[in-house]
Amino acid sequence: MMLAGAASPATAQVGKPAVRDTRAIEDCIKSKPDAQDSCIGTVSDPCLNRAETKSTADQNACIDRELAVWDDILNETFRRLREKLDDTQKGKLRDMQRAWVASKEKTCAFYWDYYQGTMASPMAAACVNRETARRALFLIGFMLDAEGK
């Protein structure tokens, strides 16, 4: 997800995640079954704390690396969960996800409306990452339940 140009941070596109980034987040999720929210920032925080990460573009790039992983996890978990549901549940899952997407977009776009400055970009990007990660973890919970784990 690049936040340059006219693209809204809530609707920007997500790129393919790096294998090492995916592994870091997946390992964190597995190692912290009762504290998976603490895995948010596994990739972006160390990147953001580097001395050379100074510009908003650099900050967005750090956040985008992690977002790519969470987005991939979210989409794969949604797909796998959907396969385990009956037609009525599939429709409800779809409607729930659509409502979540709309909420995420409005929530994260508010950084632009409120701050209206350069820092709104990484703040909005961090919001999209955080909300996507939380949603992925939410769906993982249902997926594990559906698998009986």
N, C-alpha and C. Protein backbone atom coordinates (compact mmCIF):
# COMPACT_ATOMS: atom_id res chain seq x y z
N MET A 1 0.85 -1.17 0.00
CA MET A 1 0.00 0.00 0.00
C MET A 1 0.88 1.23 0.00
N MET A 2 0.89 1.96 -1.05
CA MET A 2 1.66 3.20 -1.09
C MET A 2 0.70 4.36 -0.88
N LEU A 3 1.10 5.30 -0.05
CA LEU A 3 0.22 6.40 0.30
C LEU A 3 0.61 7.68 -0.43
N ALA A 4 1.35 7.56 -1.48
CA ALA A 4 1.73 8.74 -2.25
C ALA A 4 0.60 9.12 -3.20
N GLY A 5 0.65 10.31 -3.66
CA GLY A 5 -0.33 10.75 -4.65
C GLY A 5 -1.70 10.98 -4.05
N ALA A 6 -2.74 10.77 -4.86
CA ALA A 6 -4.09 11.09 -4.44
C ALA A 6 -4.80 9.94 -3.75
N ALA A 7 -4.18 8.81 -3.65
CA ALA A 7 -4.84 7.64 -3.06
C ALA A 7 -5.11 7.87 -1.58
N SER A 8 -6.30 7.56 -1.16
CA SER A 8 -6.66 7.60 0.25
C SER A 8 -5.96 6.45 0.95
N PRO A 9 -5.46 6.66 2.17
CA PRO A 9 -4.78 5.57 2.86
C PRO A 9 -5.69 4.39 3.14
N ALA A 10 -6.96 4.63 3.25
CA ALA A 10 -7.88 3.56 3.56
C ALA A 10 -8.20 2.69 2.36
N THR A 11 -7.93 3.19 1.15
CA THR A 11 -8.28 2.43 -0.04
C THR A 11 -7.07 2.12 -0.93
N ALA A 12 -5.86 2.48 -0.47
CA ALA A 12 -4.67 2.22 -1.27
C ALA A 12 -4.44 0.72 -1.41
N GLN A 13 -3.64 0.35 -2.40
CA GLN A 13 -3.39 -1.05 -2.70
C GLN A 13 -2.23 -1.59 -1.86
N VAL A 14 -2.31 -2.86 -1.53
CA VAL A 14 -1.30 -3.54 -0.73
C VAL A 14 -0.46 -4.41 -1.64
N GLY A 15 0.86 -4.38 -1.44
CA GLY A 15 1.76 -5.20 -2.24
C GLY A 15 1.94 -6.59 -1.65
N LYS A 16 2.79 -7.37 -2.28
CA LYS A 16 3.08 -8.73 -1.83
C LYS A 16 4.03 -8.66 -0.63
N PRO A 17 3.74 -9.44 0.42
CA PRO A 17 4.60 -9.39 1.60
C PRO A 17 5.92 -10.12 1.40
N ALA A 18 6.93 -9.64 2.09
CA ALA A 18 8.23 -10.32 2.09
C ALA A 18 8.12 -11.58 2.94
N VAL A 19 8.79 -12.63 2.52
CA VAL A 19 8.74 -13.91 3.23
C VAL A 19 9.20 -13.74 4.68
N ARG A 20 10.29 -13.01 4.90
CA ARG A 20 10.80 -12.84 6.27
C ARG A 20 9.82 -12.07 7.15
N ASP A 21 9.09 -11.12 6.56
CA ASP A 21 8.10 -10.37 7.32
C ASP A 21 6.92 -11.26 7.69
N THR A 22 6.48 -12.08 6.73
CA THR A 22 5.39 -13.02 6.99
C THR A 22 5.78 -13.99 8.09
N ARG A 23 6.98 -14.53 7.99
CA ARG A 23 7.46 -15.49 8.99
C ARG A 23 7.51 -14.85 10.38
N ALA A 24 7.97 -13.61 10.47
CA ALA A 24 8.08 -12.94 11.77
C ALA A 24 6.72 -12.77 12.42
N ILE A 25 5.73 -12.37 11.65
CA ILE A 25 4.39 -12.17 12.21
C ILE A 25 3.73 -13.51 12.53
N GLU A 26 3.84 -14.47 11.64
CA GLU A 26 3.26 -15.80 11.90
C GLU A 26 3.89 -16.44 13.13
N ASP A 27 5.21 -16.32 13.30
CA ASP A 27 5.88 -16.87 14.48
C ASP A 27 5.38 -16.17 15.74
N CYS A 28 5.19 -14.87 15.67
CA CYS A 28 4.68 -14.13 16.81
C CYS A 28 3.28 -14.61 17.19
N ILE A 29 2.40 -14.74 16.21
CA ILE A 29 1.03 -15.19 16.46
C ILE A 29 1.03 -16.56 17.13
N LYS A 30 1.85 -17.47 16.63
CA LYS A 30 1.92 -18.82 17.19
C LYS A 30 2.49 -18.83 18.60
N SER A 31 3.43 -17.95 18.87
CA SER A 31 4.09 -17.96 20.18
C SER A 31 3.30 -17.21 21.25
N LYS A 32 2.27 -16.46 20.84
CA LYS A 32 1.50 -15.67 21.81
C LYS A 32 0.00 -15.90 21.63
N PRO A 33 -0.47 -17.13 21.87
CA PRO A 33 -1.88 -17.41 21.63
C PRO A 33 -2.84 -16.55 22.46
N ASP A 34 -2.38 -16.07 23.61
CA ASP A 34 -3.24 -15.26 24.47
C ASP A 34 -2.93 -13.76 24.39
N ALA A 35 -1.99 -13.39 23.55
CA ALA A 35 -1.60 -11.98 23.44
C ALA A 35 -1.24 -11.63 22.00
N GLN A 36 -2.05 -12.10 21.07
CA GLN A 36 -1.73 -11.91 19.66
C GLN A 36 -1.74 -10.44 19.24
N ASP A 37 -2.52 -9.60 19.93
CA ASP A 37 -2.51 -8.17 19.60
C ASP A 37 -1.11 -7.57 19.74
N SER A 38 -0.30 -8.16 20.60
CA SER A 38 1.06 -7.64 20.78
C SER A 38 1.93 -7.91 19.55
N CYS A 39 1.43 -8.70 18.60
CA CYS A 39 2.18 -8.96 17.37
C CYS A 39 2.04 -7.81 16.38
N ILE A 40 1.10 -6.91 16.61
CA ILE A 40 0.95 -5.75 15.75
C ILE A 40 2.15 -4.84 15.99
N GLY A 41 2.90 -4.57 14.93
CA GLY A 41 4.12 -3.77 15.04
C GLY A 41 5.37 -4.61 14.95
N THR A 42 5.23 -5.91 14.82
CA THR A 42 6.37 -6.81 14.76
C THR A 42 7.35 -6.41 13.65
N VAL A 43 6.84 -6.02 12.52
CA VAL A 43 7.68 -5.63 11.38
C VAL A 43 7.87 -4.11 11.34
N SER A 44 6.80 -3.37 11.51
CA SER A 44 6.88 -1.92 11.32
C SER A 44 7.63 -1.20 12.43
N ASP A 45 7.47 -1.61 13.68
CA ASP A 45 8.12 -0.87 14.78
C ASP A 45 9.64 -0.84 14.68
N PRO A 46 10.32 -1.99 14.49
CA PRO A 46 11.77 -1.93 14.35
C PRO A 46 12.21 -1.06 13.16
N CYS A 47 11.45 -1.15 12.09
CA CYS A 47 11.77 -0.35 10.90
C CYS A 47 11.61 1.14 11.20
N LEU A 48 10.53 1.49 11.88
CA LEU A 48 10.27 2.90 12.22
C LEU A 48 11.30 3.45 13.19
N ASN A 49 11.90 2.59 13.98
CA ASN A 49 12.87 3.03 14.99
C ASN A 49 14.29 3.15 14.46
N ARG A 50 14.51 2.82 13.20
CA ARG A 50 15.85 2.96 12.61
C ARG A 50 16.16 4.44 12.40
N ALA A 51 17.41 4.80 12.58
CA ALA A 51 17.83 6.19 12.44
C ALA A 51 17.58 6.73 11.02
N GLU A 52 17.69 5.87 10.03
CA GLU A 52 17.52 6.33 8.65
C GLU A 52 16.06 6.47 8.23
N THR A 53 15.13 6.08 9.07
CA THR A 53 13.70 6.23 8.76
C THR A 53 13.25 7.59 9.26
N LYS A 54 13.34 8.58 8.38
CA LYS A 54 13.06 9.95 8.80
C LYS A 54 11.87 10.57 8.08
N SER A 55 11.76 10.32 6.81
CA SER A 55 10.70 10.98 6.04
C SER A 55 9.37 10.25 6.21
N THR A 56 8.30 10.93 5.89
CA THR A 56 6.98 10.28 5.95
C THR A 56 6.92 9.14 4.94
N ALA A 57 7.60 9.29 3.81
CA ALA A 57 7.63 8.20 2.82
C ALA A 57 8.32 6.98 3.41
N ASP A 58 9.42 7.18 4.14
CA ASP A 58 10.11 6.07 4.80
C ASP A 58 9.22 5.41 5.85
N GLN A 59 8.51 6.24 6.62
CA GLN A 59 7.62 5.72 7.64
C GLN A 59 6.49 4.91 6.99
N ASN A 60 5.91 5.44 5.93
CA ASN A 60 4.85 4.72 5.23
C ASN A 60 5.37 3.39 4.69
N ALA A 61 6.58 3.38 4.17
CA ALA A 61 7.15 2.15 3.62
C ALA A 61 7.31 1.09 4.72
N CYS A 62 7.72 1.50 5.91
CA CYS A 62 7.83 0.55 7.04
C CYS A 62 6.47 -0.04 7.37
N ILE A 63 5.49 0.81 7.46
CA ILE A 63 4.14 0.37 7.81
C ILE A 63 3.56 -0.50 6.69
N ASP A 64 3.81 -0.12 5.46
CA ASP A 64 3.30 -0.89 4.32
C ASP A 64 3.85 -2.30 4.28
N ARG A 65 5.11 -2.48 4.71
CA ARG A 65 5.69 -3.83 4.76
C ARG A 65 4.86 -4.73 5.66
N GLU A 66 4.49 -4.21 6.82
CA GLU A 66 3.71 -5.01 7.75
C GLU A 66 2.27 -5.18 7.27
N LEU A 67 1.70 -4.12 6.73
CA LEU A 67 0.33 -4.20 6.23
C LEU A 67 0.19 -5.30 5.18
N ALA A 68 1.18 -5.44 4.34
CA ALA A 68 1.13 -6.48 3.30
C ALA A 68 0.96 -7.86 3.93
N VAL A 69 1.62 -8.10 5.05
CA VAL A 69 1.51 -9.39 5.73
C VAL A 69 0.12 -9.56 6.32
N TRP A 70 -0.33 -8.57 7.08
CA TRP A 70 -1.65 -8.68 7.72
C TRP A 70 -2.76 -8.81 6.68
N ASP A 71 -2.64 -8.08 5.59
CA ASP A 71 -3.66 -8.16 4.54
C ASP A 71 -3.69 -9.55 3.94
N ASP A 72 -2.52 -10.13 3.73
CA ASP A 72 -2.43 -11.49 3.20
C ASP A 72 -3.04 -12.50 4.18
N ILE A 73 -2.71 -12.35 5.46
CA ILE A 73 -3.27 -13.24 6.48
C ILE A 73 -4.79 -13.08 6.55
N LEU A 74 -5.26 -11.84 6.51
CA LEU A 74 -6.69 -11.57 6.55
C LEU A 74 -7.41 -12.24 5.38
N ASN A 75 -6.92 -12.04 4.19
CA ASN A 75 -7.57 -12.59 3.00
C ASN A 75 -7.56 -14.12 2.99
N GLU A 76 -6.44 -14.71 3.38
CA GLU A 76 -6.35 -16.17 3.42
C GLU A 76 -7.27 -16.74 4.51
N THR A 77 -7.30 -16.11 5.66
CA THR A 77 -8.15 -16.59 6.74
C THR A 77 -9.62 -16.45 6.36
N PHE A 78 -9.97 -15.34 5.74
CA PHE A 78 -11.35 -15.14 5.27
C PHE A 78 -11.74 -16.25 4.30
N ARG A 79 -10.86 -16.55 3.35
CA ARG A 79 -11.14 -17.58 2.35
C ARG A 79 -11.33 -18.94 3.02
N ARG A 80 -10.42 -19.29 3.92
CA ARG A 80 -10.50 -20.59 4.58
C ARG A 80 -11.73 -20.69 5.48
N LEU A 81 -12.04 -19.63 6.19
CA LEU A 81 -13.23 -19.63 7.04
C LEU A 81 -14.49 -19.76 6.20
N ARG A 82 -14.52 -19.04 5.10
CA ARG A 82 -15.70 -19.07 4.22
C ARG A 82 -15.98 -20.49 3.73
N GLU A 83 -14.94 -21.24 3.45
CA GLU A 83 -15.10 -22.63 2.97
C GLU A 83 -15.79 -23.52 4.00
N LYS A 84 -15.72 -23.15 5.26
CA LYS A 84 -16.28 -23.98 6.33
C LYS A 84 -17.71 -23.59 6.70
N LEU A 85 -18.26 -22.58 6.04
CA LEU A 85 -19.58 -22.06 6.41
C LEU A 85 -20.67 -22.52 5.45
N ASP A 86 -21.91 -22.55 5.96
CA ASP A 86 -23.04 -22.82 5.07
C ASP A 86 -23.39 -21.51 4.33
N ASP A 87 -24.32 -21.59 3.40
CA ASP A 87 -24.63 -20.44 2.55
C ASP A 87 -25.11 -19.23 3.35
N THR A 88 -25.93 -19.45 4.37
CA THR A 88 -26.42 -18.34 5.19
C THR A 88 -25.27 -17.67 5.92
N GLN A 89 -24.38 -18.48 6.53
CA GLN A 89 -23.23 -17.93 7.24
C GLN A 89 -22.27 -17.22 6.29
N LYS A 90 -22.11 -17.74 5.08
CA LYS A 90 -21.25 -17.08 4.09
C LYS A 90 -21.75 -15.68 3.79
N GLY A 91 -23.06 -15.54 3.62
CA GLY A 91 -23.64 -14.23 3.36
C GLY A 91 -23.43 -13.28 4.52
N LYS A 92 -23.58 -13.79 5.73
CA LYS A 92 -23.38 -12.95 6.92
C LYS A 92 -21.91 -12.57 7.09
N LEU A 93 -21.01 -13.49 6.78
CA LEU A 93 -19.59 -13.18 6.83
C LEU A 93 -19.25 -12.09 5.83
N ARG A 94 -19.77 -12.21 4.62
CA ARG A 94 -19.54 -11.20 3.58
C ARG A 94 -20.05 -9.83 4.03
N ASP A 95 -21.29 -9.80 4.56
CA ASP A 95 -21.87 -8.53 5.01
C ASP A 95 -21.07 -7.93 6.16
N MET A 96 -20.62 -8.78 7.07
CA MET A 96 -19.82 -8.33 8.21
C MET A 96 -18.51 -7.71 7.71
N GLN A 97 -17.87 -8.36 6.75
CA GLN A 97 -16.61 -7.84 6.21
C GLN A 97 -16.82 -6.52 5.48
N ARG A 98 -17.88 -6.42 4.74
CA ARG A 98 -18.16 -5.16 4.04
C ARG A 98 -18.36 -4.01 5.03
N ALA A 99 -19.07 -4.29 6.11
CA ALA A 99 -19.29 -3.27 7.13
C ALA A 99 -17.96 -2.89 7.78
N TRP A 100 -17.12 -3.90 8.02
CA TRP A 100 -15.81 -3.62 8.62
C TRP A 100 -14.96 -2.76 7.68
N VAL A 101 -14.94 -3.08 6.40
CA VAL A 101 -14.16 -2.30 5.43
C VAL A 101 -14.60 -0.84 5.45
N ALA A 102 -15.90 -0.60 5.43
CA ALA A 102 -16.42 0.77 5.46
C ALA A 102 -16.01 1.48 6.74
N SER A 103 -16.10 0.79 7.86
CA SER A 103 -15.71 1.38 9.14
C SER A 103 -14.22 1.70 9.17
N LYS A 104 -13.40 0.77 8.71
CA LYS A 104 -11.94 0.98 8.67
C LYS A 104 -11.61 2.18 7.80
N GLU A 105 -12.22 2.28 6.64
CA GLU A 105 -11.94 3.39 5.73
C GLU A 105 -12.30 4.72 6.36
N LYS A 106 -13.46 4.82 6.98
CA LYS A 106 -13.88 6.07 7.62
C LYS A 106 -13.00 6.40 8.82
N THR A 107 -12.70 5.40 9.62
CA THR A 107 -11.87 5.61 10.80
C THR A 107 -10.48 6.11 10.42
N CYS A 108 -9.83 5.44 9.49
CA CYS A 108 -8.46 5.80 9.14
C CYS A 108 -8.38 7.07 8.30
N ALA A 109 -9.40 7.35 7.53
CA ALA A 109 -9.42 8.60 6.75
C ALA A 109 -9.56 9.81 7.66
N PHE A 110 -10.06 9.62 8.87
CA PHE A 110 -10.25 10.74 9.79
C PHE A 110 -8.92 11.40 10.16
N TYR A 111 -7.82 10.64 10.11
CA TYR A 111 -6.51 11.25 10.38
C TYR A 111 -6.24 12.38 9.38
N TRP A 112 -6.62 12.16 8.13
CA TRP A 112 -6.44 13.19 7.11
C TRP A 112 -7.33 14.39 7.41
N ASP A 113 -8.56 14.13 7.80
CA ASP A 113 -9.50 15.21 8.08
C ASP A 113 -9.10 16.00 9.32
N TYR A 114 -8.60 15.33 10.31
CA TYR A 114 -8.30 15.98 11.58
C TYR A 114 -6.96 16.69 11.56
N TYR A 115 -5.91 15.99 11.16
CA TYR A 115 -4.57 16.57 11.23
C TYR A 115 -4.19 17.39 10.01
N GLN A 116 -4.63 17.01 8.84
CA GLN A 116 -4.42 17.76 7.60
C GLN A 116 -2.98 18.18 7.36
N GLY A 117 -2.06 17.36 7.73
CA GLY A 117 -0.65 17.69 7.52
C GLY A 117 0.13 16.46 7.13
N THR A 118 1.44 16.65 7.01
CA THR A 118 2.33 15.60 6.58
C THR A 118 2.23 14.37 7.47
N MET A 119 2.12 14.56 8.77
CA MET A 119 2.08 13.42 9.69
C MET A 119 0.79 12.61 9.58
N ALA A 120 -0.22 13.17 8.94
CA ALA A 120 -1.47 12.42 8.77
C ALA A 120 -1.24 11.17 7.93
N SER A 121 -0.28 11.22 7.03
CA SER A 121 -0.02 10.09 6.15
C SER A 121 0.44 8.85 6.92
N PRO A 122 1.53 8.92 7.71
CA PRO A 122 1.92 7.72 8.46
C PRO A 122 0.92 7.36 9.56
N MET A 123 0.23 8.35 10.10
CA MET A 123 -0.78 8.04 11.12
C MET A 123 -1.94 7.26 10.51
N ALA A 124 -2.36 7.66 9.33
CA ALA A 124 -3.43 6.95 8.64
C ALA A 124 -2.96 5.56 8.21
N ALA A 125 -1.72 5.47 7.74
CA ALA A 125 -1.17 4.17 7.33
C ALA A 125 -1.09 3.23 8.54
N ALA A 126 -0.67 3.75 9.68
CA ALA A 126 -0.61 2.93 10.90
C ALA A 126 -2.00 2.48 11.31
N CYS A 127 -2.98 3.34 11.13
CA CYS A 127 -4.37 2.98 11.43
C CYS A 127 -4.83 1.82 10.55
N VAL A 128 -4.58 1.91 9.27
CA VAL A 128 -4.98 0.83 8.35
C VAL A 128 -4.28 -0.47 8.74
N ASN A 129 -2.99 -0.40 9.06
CA ASN A 129 -2.26 -1.59 9.47
C ASN A 129 -2.87 -2.18 10.74
N ARG A 130 -3.08 -1.34 11.74
CA ARG A 130 -3.62 -1.79 13.03
C ARG A 130 -5.00 -2.42 12.87
N GLU A 131 -5.88 -1.74 12.12
CA GLU A 131 -7.24 -2.25 11.94
C GLU A 131 -7.26 -3.55 11.13
N THR A 132 -6.38 -3.65 10.14
CA THR A 132 -6.30 -4.86 9.33
C THR A 132 -5.77 -6.01 10.18
N ALA A 133 -4.76 -5.74 10.99
CA ALA A 133 -4.21 -6.77 11.87
C ALA A 133 -5.26 -7.25 12.87
N ARG A 134 -5.96 -6.32 13.47
CA ARG A 134 -7.00 -6.71 14.43
C ARG A 134 -8.09 -7.55 13.76
N ARG A 135 -8.43 -7.20 12.55
CA ARG A 135 -9.46 -7.96 11.85
C ARG A 135 -8.96 -9.35 11.50
N ALA A 136 -7.70 -9.44 11.07
CA ALA A 136 -7.12 -10.74 10.77
C ALA A 136 -7.14 -11.63 12.01
N LEU A 137 -6.76 -11.08 13.14
CA LEU A 137 -6.75 -11.84 14.38
C LEU A 137 -8.16 -12.25 14.80
N PHE A 138 -9.11 -11.37 14.57
CA PHE A 138 -10.52 -11.67 14.86
C PHE A 138 -10.98 -12.88 14.05
N LEU A 139 -10.67 -12.87 12.75
CA LEU A 139 -11.07 -13.98 11.89
C LEU A 139 -10.29 -15.26 12.20
N ILE A 140 -9.04 -15.11 12.61
CA ILE A 140 -8.26 -16.29 13.00
C ILE A 140 -8.95 -17.00 14.15
N GLY A 141 -9.50 -16.24 15.08
CA GLY A 141 -10.22 -16.84 16.19
C GLY A 141 -11.38 -17.72 15.72
N PHE A 142 -12.14 -17.22 14.76
CA PHE A 142 -13.25 -18.01 14.20
C PHE A 142 -12.72 -19.22 13.45
N MET A 143 -11.63 -19.02 12.72
CA MET A 143 -11.07 -20.11 11.93
C MET A 143 -10.58 -21.24 12.85
N LEU A 144 -9.91 -20.88 13.92
CA LEU A 144 -9.44 -21.91 14.85
C LEU A 144 -10.61 -22.63 15.49
N ASP A 145 -11.66 -21.90 15.81
CA ASP A 145 -12.86 -22.52 16.37
C ASP A 145 -13.49 -23.47 15.36
N ALA A 146 -13.56 -23.04 14.11
CA ALA A 146 -14.16 -23.88 13.06
C ALA A 146 -13.33 -25.14 12.82
N GLU A 147 -12.04 -25.06 13.07
CA GLU A 147 -11.16 -26.21 12.90
C GLU A 147 -11.09 -27.06 14.17
N GLY A 148 -11.75 -26.57 15.24
CA GLY A 148 -11.76 -27.32 16.49
C GLY A 148 -10.46 -27.28 17.26
N LYS A 149 -9.72 -26.19 17.12
CA LYS A 149 -8.43 -26.07 17.82
C LYS A 149 -8.55 -25.14 18.99
